[in-house]
């Protein structure tokens, strides 16, 4: 290998890995000009060497054991694209750093669980640990927080950061189909992780919002304290009701400074259909950042896929080739504050849906429990029905979520309540 080139070891040849190969080949000239030197693939490692792929990889040196790449003297940067929060990805990155190799990864689960430890290790070795591709695909949101907005005190970062969930919710509305059918379509198209709970259960978004919170607030990653609610319980009825009220349902990730600490949440929300979030379709991501000097800025683009994610990987490689070594979380890892998690509630309006026995006194009983818990009703509607059970919709004034949950738990135990109450936060963004 040429000493002047930046030599990389590529581990993982899935969608993103092949995208990286494609980009390095097709854009070789422009990447070399911008990096100041050529970026070359020194070795490749994946589970199956003989798997049929769209690229001719015969000119690349194949390595069977990924840990061999982590110890290879010819390699300057290890690019880890196999995923997973633990092994073998953790050992690959750890050994790479100990062997004085920079690391680029797209592994949000690993960073969410082990990012602080790995960042400390990288800084001790005076190396880069870059993971732009871990959050929001082709949107350079981590670099924006680390560099472009680094002079701001960020108060809030939020957005739609899981393309699979946005695709499912969009298709449910457009095709008038329920969750289970659209979910299967998404699986058949390869949009859903092998463990579906990572996507539809909100865990993927929680990984990402915990990373964004760390960069935004200068705190250590605190994934364990992200409050997570997925989209599995969202029905076509809720999609239709939201539409009739001028809203659409989106899975939102939120990280916000509060008086007593940091709030981190992932949950479905009703957003105005004419807002930027309301107009977001398919697998597109959108992230908003609120800073004290830059005010509110937003960033939109593809959240996944070979091209967009590979673009972020290449950006990290070019930074390393240029000698641009920036702390993984925007400041020295040992200076990151231990975050103070808070369950402090921000007041929000909520959409509530009940299925109640249609008989005299039912609504009075419902309103009594809501009133006892200081929940004020903004509007109420009983939908048409043909049997003895009546669907009832309520939109509240801004209220405390803790009190709401207490009220709904009490209501769910009543004889008049025929199914588990549904609640969805309303974000008038």
Protein backbone atom coordinates (compact mmCIF):
# COMPACT_ATOMS: atom_id res chain seq x y z
CA UNK A 1 0.00 0.00 0.00
CA UNK A 2 1.12 3.54 -0.72
CA UNK A 3 2.24 5.30 2.43
CA UNK A 4 0.63 8.54 1.32
CA UNK A 5 -2.79 6.92 0.94
CA UNK A 6 -5.27 6.40 3.77
CA UNK A 7 -5.68 2.65 3.91
CA UNK A 8 -8.91 1.25 5.30
CA UNK A 9 -10.09 -2.15 6.43
CA UNK A 10 -13.77 -2.61 5.64
CA UNK A 11 -15.70 -5.00 7.91
CA UNK A 12 -19.21 -5.78 6.69
CA UNK A 13 -20.53 -5.97 3.13
CA UNK A 14 -24.21 -5.40 3.62
CA UNK A 15 -26.14 -2.54 2.06
CA UNK A 16 -23.93 0.16 3.59
CA UNK A 17 -20.64 -1.67 3.09
CA UNK A 18 -21.28 -2.16 -0.61
CA UNK A 19 -22.37 1.48 -0.80
CA UNK A 20 -19.00 2.53 0.60
CA UNK A 21 -17.15 0.42 -2.01
CA UNK A 22 -19.32 1.89 -4.77
CA UNK A 23 -18.73 5.48 -3.64
CA UNK A 24 -14.96 5.03 -3.29
CA UNK A 25 -14.79 3.58 -6.81
CA UNK A 26 -17.14 5.96 -8.63
CA UNK A 27 -16.03 9.15 -6.86
CA UNK A 28 -12.36 8.24 -6.49
CA UNK A 29 -11.06 11.40 -8.14
CA UNK A 30 -13.21 13.90 -6.26
CA UNK A 31 -12.67 12.09 -2.92
CA UNK A 32 -8.88 12.17 -3.44
CA UNK A 33 -8.95 15.90 -4.23
CA UNK A 34 -11.04 16.70 -1.17
CA UNK A 35 -9.20 14.36 1.19
CA UNK A 36 -5.76 15.50 0.02
CA UNK A 37 -4.75 11.88 -0.57
CA UNK A 38 -6.26 8.71 -1.91
CA UNK A 39 -8.50 6.59 0.30
CA UNK A 40 -7.85 2.93 -0.49
CA UNK A 41 -9.48 -0.29 0.64
CA UNK A 42 -6.61 -2.39 2.01
CA UNK A 43 -8.72 -5.36 3.16
CA UNK A 44 -12.31 -6.55 3.30
CA UNK A 45 -14.04 -8.89 5.73
CA UNK A 46 -17.59 -10.24 5.75
CA UNK A 47 -19.40 -13.39 6.83
CA UNK A 48 -19.46 -15.02 3.41
CA UNK A 49 -16.75 -14.52 0.81
CA UNK A 50 -18.59 -16.29 -2.02
CA UNK A 51 -21.96 -14.61 -1.60
CA UNK A 52 -23.25 -13.21 -4.89
CA UNK A 53 -22.82 -9.43 -4.91
CA UNK A 54 -23.21 -6.68 -7.50
CA UNK A 55 -19.53 -5.76 -7.26
CA UNK A 56 -16.40 -7.54 -8.38
CA UNK A 57 -14.41 -7.78 -5.17
CA UNK A 58 -11.68 -10.04 -6.52
CA UNK A 59 -9.13 -7.21 -6.54
CA UNK A 60 -9.46 -6.65 -2.81
CA UNK A 61 -7.60 -8.62 -0.15
CA UNK A 62 -10.08 -10.83 1.71
CA UNK A 63 -9.63 -11.41 5.47
CA UNK A 64 -11.67 -14.08 7.22
CA UNK A 65 -11.29 -12.91 10.83
CA UNK A 66 -12.35 -9.29 11.50
CA UNK A 67 -9.99 -9.06 14.48
CA UNK A 68 -7.12 -9.63 12.07
CA UNK A 69 -8.04 -6.37 10.35
CA UNK A 70 -7.94 -4.64 13.73
CA UNK A 71 -4.29 -5.73 14.08
CA UNK A 72 -3.11 -5.27 10.48
CA UNK A 73 -0.10 -2.93 10.19
CA UNK A 74 -1.11 -1.87 6.66
CA UNK A 75 -4.44 -0.45 7.82
CA UNK A 76 -4.93 3.12 9.09
CA UNK A 77 -8.70 3.11 9.61
CA UNK A 78 -11.09 0.30 10.50
CA UNK A 79 -14.61 0.78 9.12
CA UNK A 80 -17.05 -1.33 11.17
CA UNK A 81 -20.38 -1.89 9.40
CA UNK A 82 -21.63 -5.15 10.91
CA UNK A 83 -23.82 -3.62 13.64
CA UNK A 84 -24.93 -4.95 17.02
CA UNK A 85 -24.54 -3.41 20.45
CA UNK A 86 -22.04 -5.99 21.74
CA UNK A 87 -19.77 -8.61 20.16
CA UNK A 88 -18.01 -8.86 17.82
CA UNK A 89 -18.38 -5.15 17.00
CA UNK A 90 -17.26 -3.95 20.43
CA UNK A 91 -14.07 -6.04 20.42
CA UNK A 92 -13.29 -5.01 16.83
CA UNK A 93 -13.48 -1.31 17.67
CA UNK A 94 -11.71 -1.69 21.01
CA UNK A 95 -8.80 -3.66 19.51
CA UNK A 96 -8.57 -1.28 16.55
CA UNK A 97 -8.15 1.71 18.86
CA UNK A 98 -5.63 -0.11 21.05
CA UNK A 99 -3.66 -0.91 17.87
CA UNK A 100 -3.54 2.80 16.96
CA UNK A 101 -6.17 2.67 14.21
CA UNK A 102 -8.86 5.26 13.66
CA UNK A 103 -12.41 3.92 13.62
CA UNK A 104 -15.45 4.80 11.53
CA UNK A 105 -18.73 3.06 12.31
CA UNK A 106 -22.45 3.27 11.51
CA UNK A 107 -23.32 1.29 14.64
CA UNK A 108 -25.81 3.38 16.64
CA UNK A 109 -26.62 0.56 19.09
CA UNK A 110 -22.97 0.10 20.03
CA UNK A 111 -22.42 3.86 20.40
CA UNK A 112 -25.61 4.24 22.49
CA UNK A 113 -24.46 1.52 24.89
CA UNK A 114 -20.65 1.86 24.83
CA UNK A 115 -19.94 5.22 23.22
CA UNK A 116 -18.50 6.98 26.27
CA UNK A 117 -16.01 4.20 27.02
CA UNK A 118 -14.90 3.97 23.38
CA UNK A 119 -14.60 7.77 23.13
CA UNK A 120 -12.33 7.82 26.19
CA UNK A 121 -10.20 5.09 24.63
CA UNK A 122 -9.97 6.95 21.30
CA UNK A 123 -8.86 10.15 23.05
CA UNK A 124 -6.24 8.32 25.09
CA UNK A 125 -4.80 6.99 21.81
CA UNK A 126 -5.19 10.38 20.06
CA UNK A 127 -7.41 8.78 17.41
CA UNK A 128 -10.74 9.45 15.73
CA UNK A 129 -13.90 7.58 16.59
CA UNK A 130 -16.38 8.81 13.97
CA UNK A 131 -20.00 7.69 13.62
CA UNK A 132 -21.83 10.23 11.46
CA UNK A 133 -23.64 7.39 9.65
CA UNK A 134 -25.15 6.13 12.92
CA UNK A 135 -27.88 8.79 13.02
CA UNK A 136 -30.20 9.96 10.23
CA UNK A 137 -28.41 8.35 7.27
CA UNK A 138 -27.26 11.02 4.84
CA UNK A 139 -28.10 14.01 7.07
CA UNK A 140 -24.84 15.31 8.62
CA UNK A 141 -26.57 16.05 11.92
CA UNK A 142 -23.72 14.95 14.20
CA UNK A 143 -21.23 17.21 12.44
CA UNK A 144 -23.75 20.04 12.64
CA UNK A 145 -23.99 19.64 16.42
CA UNK A 146 -20.23 19.10 16.89
CA UNK A 147 -19.08 21.87 14.57
CA UNK A 148 -21.63 24.14 12.90
CA UNK A 149 -23.69 24.80 16.06
CA UNK A 150 -20.91 24.34 18.61
CA UNK A 151 -21.16 27.98 19.72
CA UNK A 152 -24.78 27.51 20.79
CA UNK A 153 -26.36 26.32 23.99
CA UNK A 154 -28.82 23.82 22.56
CA UNK A 155 -32.12 23.58 24.43
CA UNK A 156 -33.92 20.98 22.34
CA UNK A 157 -33.30 18.49 19.55
CA UNK A 158 -36.12 16.43 18.09
CA UNK A 159 -37.34 14.77 14.96
CA UNK A 160 -38.40 11.81 12.89
CA UNK A 161 -35.28 9.62 12.89
CA UNK A 162 -36.56 6.18 11.91
CA UNK A 163 -37.48 5.84 8.24
CA UNK A 164 -39.15 2.45 8.68
CA UNK A 165 -41.75 3.78 11.11
CA UNK A 166 -42.36 6.84 8.96
CA UNK A 167 -42.85 4.59 5.92
CA UNK A 168 -45.33 2.37 7.81
CA UNK A 169 -47.37 5.29 9.16
CA UNK A 170 -47.39 6.98 5.73
CA UNK A 171 -48.56 3.78 3.99
CA UNK A 172 -51.26 3.14 6.59
CA UNK A 173 -52.72 6.54 5.77
CA UNK A 174 -52.25 6.41 2.00
CA UNK A 175 -53.46 2.83 1.50
CA UNK A 176 -56.11 2.78 4.26
CA UNK A 177 -54.55 -0.43 5.62
CA UNK A 178 -53.99 -1.52 9.21
CA UNK A 179 -50.62 -1.80 10.91
CA UNK A 180 -50.12 -5.56 10.51
CA UNK A 181 -50.56 -5.53 6.72
CA UNK A 182 -48.30 -2.52 6.11
CA UNK A 183 -45.72 -3.91 8.53
CA UNK A 184 -45.52 -7.10 6.45
CA UNK A 185 -45.08 -5.02 3.29
CA UNK A 186 -42.20 -3.18 4.93
CA UNK A 187 -40.62 -6.49 5.95
CA UNK A 188 -40.91 -7.85 2.40
CA UNK A 189 -39.18 -4.71 1.08
CA UNK A 190 -36.32 -5.20 3.53
CA UNK A 191 -37.09 -2.03 5.50
CA UNK A 192 -37.45 -3.72 8.91
CA UNK A 193 -34.58 -4.89 11.14
CA UNK A 194 -34.23 -8.62 11.87
CA UNK A 195 -35.52 -7.78 15.36
CA UNK A 196 -38.63 -5.72 14.45
CA UNK A 197 -38.84 -4.19 17.92
CA UNK A 198 -35.74 -2.14 17.09
CA UNK A 199 -37.80 -0.22 14.52
CA UNK A 200 -41.49 -0.36 15.42
CA UNK A 201 -40.78 -0.63 19.15
CA UNK A 202 -38.91 2.68 19.07
CA UNK A 203 -35.53 1.28 20.21
CA UNK A 204 -33.67 2.40 17.06
CA UNK A 205 -34.99 5.94 17.54
CA UNK A 206 -34.02 5.77 21.22
CA UNK A 207 -30.44 4.82 20.31
CA UNK A 208 -30.30 7.82 17.99
CA UNK A 209 -31.91 10.37 20.32
CA UNK A 210 -29.55 9.37 23.14
CA UNK A 211 -26.59 10.08 20.83
CA UNK A 212 -28.08 13.40 19.73
CA UNK A 213 -28.72 14.37 23.37
CA UNK A 214 -25.08 13.71 24.30
CA UNK A 215 -23.80 15.90 21.46
CA UNK A 216 -26.41 18.62 22.02
CA UNK A 217 -26.03 18.96 25.79
CA UNK A 218 -22.44 17.92 26.47
CA UNK A 219 -23.49 14.96 28.60
CA UNK A 220 -22.63 11.28 28.62
CA UNK A 221 -24.95 9.02 26.66
CA UNK A 222 -27.90 7.97 28.79
CA UNK A 223 -29.76 5.45 26.67
CA UNK A 224 -31.16 3.58 29.69
CA UNK A 225 -33.26 6.61 30.67
CA UNK A 226 -34.93 7.20 27.30
CA UNK A 227 -38.69 6.77 27.71
CA UNK A 228 -39.76 4.59 24.78
CA UNK A 229 -43.16 3.99 23.21
CA UNK A 230 -43.36 2.42 19.73
CA UNK A 231 -46.00 2.46 17.01
CA UNK A 232 -47.39 -1.08 17.43
CA UNK A 233 -50.57 0.18 19.10
CA UNK A 234 -51.35 2.78 16.41
CA UNK A 235 -54.46 1.69 14.54
CA UNK A 236 -56.01 2.79 11.26
CA UNK A 237 -58.77 4.36 13.38
CA UNK A 238 -56.21 6.66 14.99
CA UNK A 239 -54.71 7.54 11.60
CA UNK A 240 -58.18 8.47 10.28
CA UNK A 241 -59.13 10.41 13.40
CA UNK A 242 -55.88 12.36 13.32
CA UNK A 243 -56.43 13.21 9.64
CA UNK A 244 -59.98 14.45 10.31
CA UNK A 245 -58.58 16.78 13.00
CA UNK A 246 -55.87 18.19 10.72
CA UNK A 247 -53.01 16.04 12.03
CA UNK A 248 -50.79 13.15 11.00
CA UNK A 249 -49.12 10.63 13.30
CA UNK A 250 -45.31 10.46 13.42
CA UNK A 251 -42.88 8.62 15.67
CA UNK A 252 -40.92 11.46 17.28
CA UNK A 253 -37.64 11.40 19.18
CA UNK A 254 -37.15 14.27 21.64
CA UNK A 255 -34.28 15.41 23.87
CA UNK A 256 -34.78 18.56 25.88
CA UNK A 257 -33.25 20.51 28.73
CA UNK A 258 -35.64 20.95 31.64
CA UNK A 259 -35.27 22.69 35.00
CA UNK A 260 -34.31 19.49 36.80
CA UNK A 261 -32.33 17.70 34.10
CA UNK A 262 -32.57 16.12 30.66
CA UNK A 263 -35.77 14.68 29.16
CA UNK A 264 -35.40 11.99 26.47
CA UNK A 265 -38.48 10.46 24.87
CA UNK A 266 -39.51 8.43 21.83
CA UNK A 267 -43.23 8.19 21.15
CA UNK A 268 -45.89 8.57 18.45
CA UNK A 269 -47.25 12.12 18.24
CA UNK A 270 -49.95 13.97 16.37
CA UNK A 271 -48.35 16.78 14.35
CA UNK A 272 -50.14 19.37 12.19
CA UNK A 273 -50.43 17.98 8.67
CA UNK A 274 -49.29 21.31 7.15
CA UNK A 275 -46.14 21.44 9.28
CA UNK A 276 -42.72 20.27 8.06
CA UNK A 277 -43.18 17.07 10.05
CA UNK A 278 -46.71 16.60 8.79
CA UNK A 279 -45.52 16.76 5.18
CA UNK A 280 -42.78 14.18 5.76
CA UNK A 281 -43.40 10.97 3.79
CA UNK A 282 -41.81 7.56 3.36
CA UNK A 283 -38.33 6.92 4.72
CA UNK A 284 -37.28 10.58 4.94
CA UNK A 285 -35.84 11.89 8.23
CA UNK A 286 -36.18 15.38 9.68
CA UNK A 287 -34.27 16.77 12.66
CA UNK A 288 -34.88 20.12 14.38
CA UNK A 289 -32.33 21.80 16.64
CA UNK A 290 -33.10 24.79 18.88
CA UNK A 291 -30.08 26.86 19.94
CA UNK A 292 -29.82 30.15 21.79
CA UNK A 293 -28.02 32.00 18.95
CA UNK A 294 -28.89 30.03 15.81
CA UNK A 295 -32.53 29.78 16.94
CA UNK A 296 -34.47 26.93 15.30
CA UNK A 297 -32.82 25.10 12.39
CA UNK A 298 -33.95 21.98 10.57
CA UNK A 299 -32.28 19.27 8.51
CA UNK A 300 -34.07 16.91 6.15
CA UNK A 301 -32.96 13.99 4.00
CA UNK A 302 -32.90 10.23 3.49
CA UNK A 303 -32.50 8.41 6.80
CA UNK A 304 -31.11 5.14 5.45
CA UNK A 305 -30.04 3.32 2.31
CA UNK A 306 -26.76 2.45 0.65
CA UNK A 307 -25.99 5.83 -0.89
CA UNK A 308 -26.94 8.25 1.90
CA UNK A 309 -25.36 6.20 4.70
CA UNK A 310 -22.22 5.49 2.67
CA UNK A 311 -21.97 9.24 2.03
CA UNK A 312 -21.70 9.82 5.78
CA UNK A 313 -19.08 7.09 6.15
CA UNK A 314 -16.99 8.67 3.37
CA UNK A 315 -17.30 12.09 5.04
CA UNK A 316 -15.82 10.62 8.23
CA UNK A 317 -12.98 9.03 6.24
CA UNK A 318 -12.18 12.32 4.50
CA UNK A 319 -11.99 14.08 7.88
CA UNK A 320 -9.43 11.51 9.04
CA UNK A 321 -7.46 11.79 5.78
CA UNK A 322 -7.27 15.56 6.30
CA UNK A 323 -6.05 15.09 9.88
CA UNK A 324 -9.22 16.62 11.29
CA UNK A 325 -9.37 14.79 14.62
CA UNK A 326 -12.40 15.99 16.62
CA UNK A 327 -13.58 14.45 19.92
CA UNK A 328 -16.28 11.86 19.28
CA UNK A 329 -18.93 13.82 21.21
CA UNK A 330 -17.72 17.32 20.39
CA UNK A 331 -15.68 17.80 23.56
CA UNK A 332 -13.26 15.71 25.59
CA UNK A 333 -15.07 12.60 26.77
CA UNK A 334 -13.75 12.91 30.34
CA UNK A 335 -15.38 16.38 30.54
CA UNK A 336 -18.85 15.13 29.54
CA UNK A 337 -21.24 15.63 32.44
CA UNK A 338 -23.13 12.74 33.95
CA UNK A 339 -26.69 13.61 32.85
CA UNK A 340 -29.34 14.28 35.44
CA UNK A 341 -32.34 12.33 34.20
CA UNK A 342 -35.68 13.83 35.07
CA UNK A 343 -39.21 12.49 34.87
CA UNK A 344 -40.41 16.08 35.05
CA UNK A 345 -43.38 16.41 32.76
CA UNK A 346 -43.67 19.04 30.09
CA UNK A 347 -47.28 20.07 29.67
CA UNK A 348 -48.78 18.73 26.44
CA UNK A 349 -52.19 18.26 24.88
CA UNK A 350 -53.25 14.68 24.19
CA UNK A 351 -55.54 12.79 21.86
CA UNK A 352 -57.50 10.15 23.81
CA UNK A 353 -59.59 7.32 22.39
CA UNK A 354 -61.96 5.19 24.44
CA UNK A 355 -64.40 2.39 23.68
CA UNK A 356 -67.18 2.76 26.24
CA UNK A 357 -70.51 1.17 27.00
CA UNK A 358 -73.23 3.34 25.45
CA UNK A 359 -75.55 3.94 28.38
CA UNK A 360 -76.67 6.90 30.52
CA UNK A 361 -74.02 8.19 32.90
CA UNK A 362 -71.02 6.78 31.02
CA UNK A 363 -69.61 10.11 29.84
CA UNK A 364 -70.24 11.67 33.23
CA UNK A 365 -68.27 8.85 34.86
CA UNK A 366 -65.42 9.36 32.40
CA UNK A 367 -65.38 13.14 32.83
CA UNK A 368 -65.42 12.76 36.60
CA UNK A 369 -62.22 10.73 36.68
CA UNK A 370 -60.50 13.08 34.22
CA UNK A 371 -61.55 16.09 36.29
CA UNK A 372 -60.35 14.49 39.51
CA UNK A 373 -56.91 14.17 37.91
CA UNK A 374 -56.92 17.82 36.77
CA UNK A 375 -57.35 16.88 33.11
CA UNK A 376 -59.23 19.59 31.23
CA UNK A 377 -61.17 18.63 28.10
CA UNK A 378 -60.72 20.85 25.05
CA UNK A 379 -63.12 18.91 22.82
CA UNK A 380 -65.02 15.64 22.91
CA UNK A 381 -66.73 13.62 20.19
CA UNK A 382 -68.67 10.37 20.20
CA UNK A 383 -68.31 8.55 16.88
CA UNK A 384 -71.07 6.75 15.03
CA UNK A 385 -71.53 3.13 16.06
CA UNK A 386 -73.99 0.28 15.53
CA UNK A 387 -73.62 -1.77 18.69
CA UNK A 388 -73.72 -1.09 22.42
CA UNK A 389 -70.11 0.13 22.56
CA UNK A 390 -69.37 3.74 21.62
CA UNK A 391 -66.00 5.09 20.43
CA UNK A 392 -65.28 8.39 22.20
CA UNK A 393 -62.53 10.85 21.23
CA UNK A 394 -61.18 13.54 23.53
CA UNK A 395 -58.56 16.22 22.98
CA UNK A 396 -57.23 17.68 26.22
CA UNK A 397 -55.84 21.06 27.10
CA UNK A 398 -52.12 20.95 28.02
CA UNK A 399 -51.78 18.56 30.92
CA UNK A 400 -49.29 16.55 32.96
CA UNK A 401 -48.63 13.09 31.44
CA UNK A 402 -48.17 11.47 34.86
CA UNK A 403 -51.64 12.54 35.92
CA UNK A 404 -53.03 11.39 32.55
CA UNK A 405 -51.55 7.91 32.95
CA UNK A 406 -53.02 7.67 36.43
CA UNK A 407 -56.46 8.63 35.14
CA UNK A 408 -56.31 6.20 32.21
CA UNK A 409 -55.28 3.36 34.51
CA UNK A 410 -58.32 4.06 36.68
CA UNK A 411 -60.63 4.31 33.67
CA UNK A 412 -59.34 1.06 32.17
CA UNK A 413 -60.54 -0.81 35.26
CA UNK A 414 -64.12 0.45 34.95
CA UNK A 415 -66.89 -1.85 33.72
CA UNK A 416 -67.87 0.77 31.13
CA UNK A 417 -64.40 0.64 29.49
CA UNK A 418 -64.34 -2.09 26.83
CA UNK A 419 -60.73 -1.82 25.60
CA UNK A 420 -57.46 -0.30 26.73
CA UNK A 421 -57.60 3.51 26.37
CA UNK A 422 -55.31 4.99 23.71
CA UNK A 423 -53.38 8.19 24.29
CA UNK A 424 -51.13 10.04 21.82
CA UNK A 425 -49.31 13.28 22.53
CA UNK A 426 -50.06 16.28 20.32
CA UNK A 427 -47.02 18.31 19.21
CA UNK A 428 -48.04 21.63 17.61
CA UNK A 429 -44.64 22.08 15.97
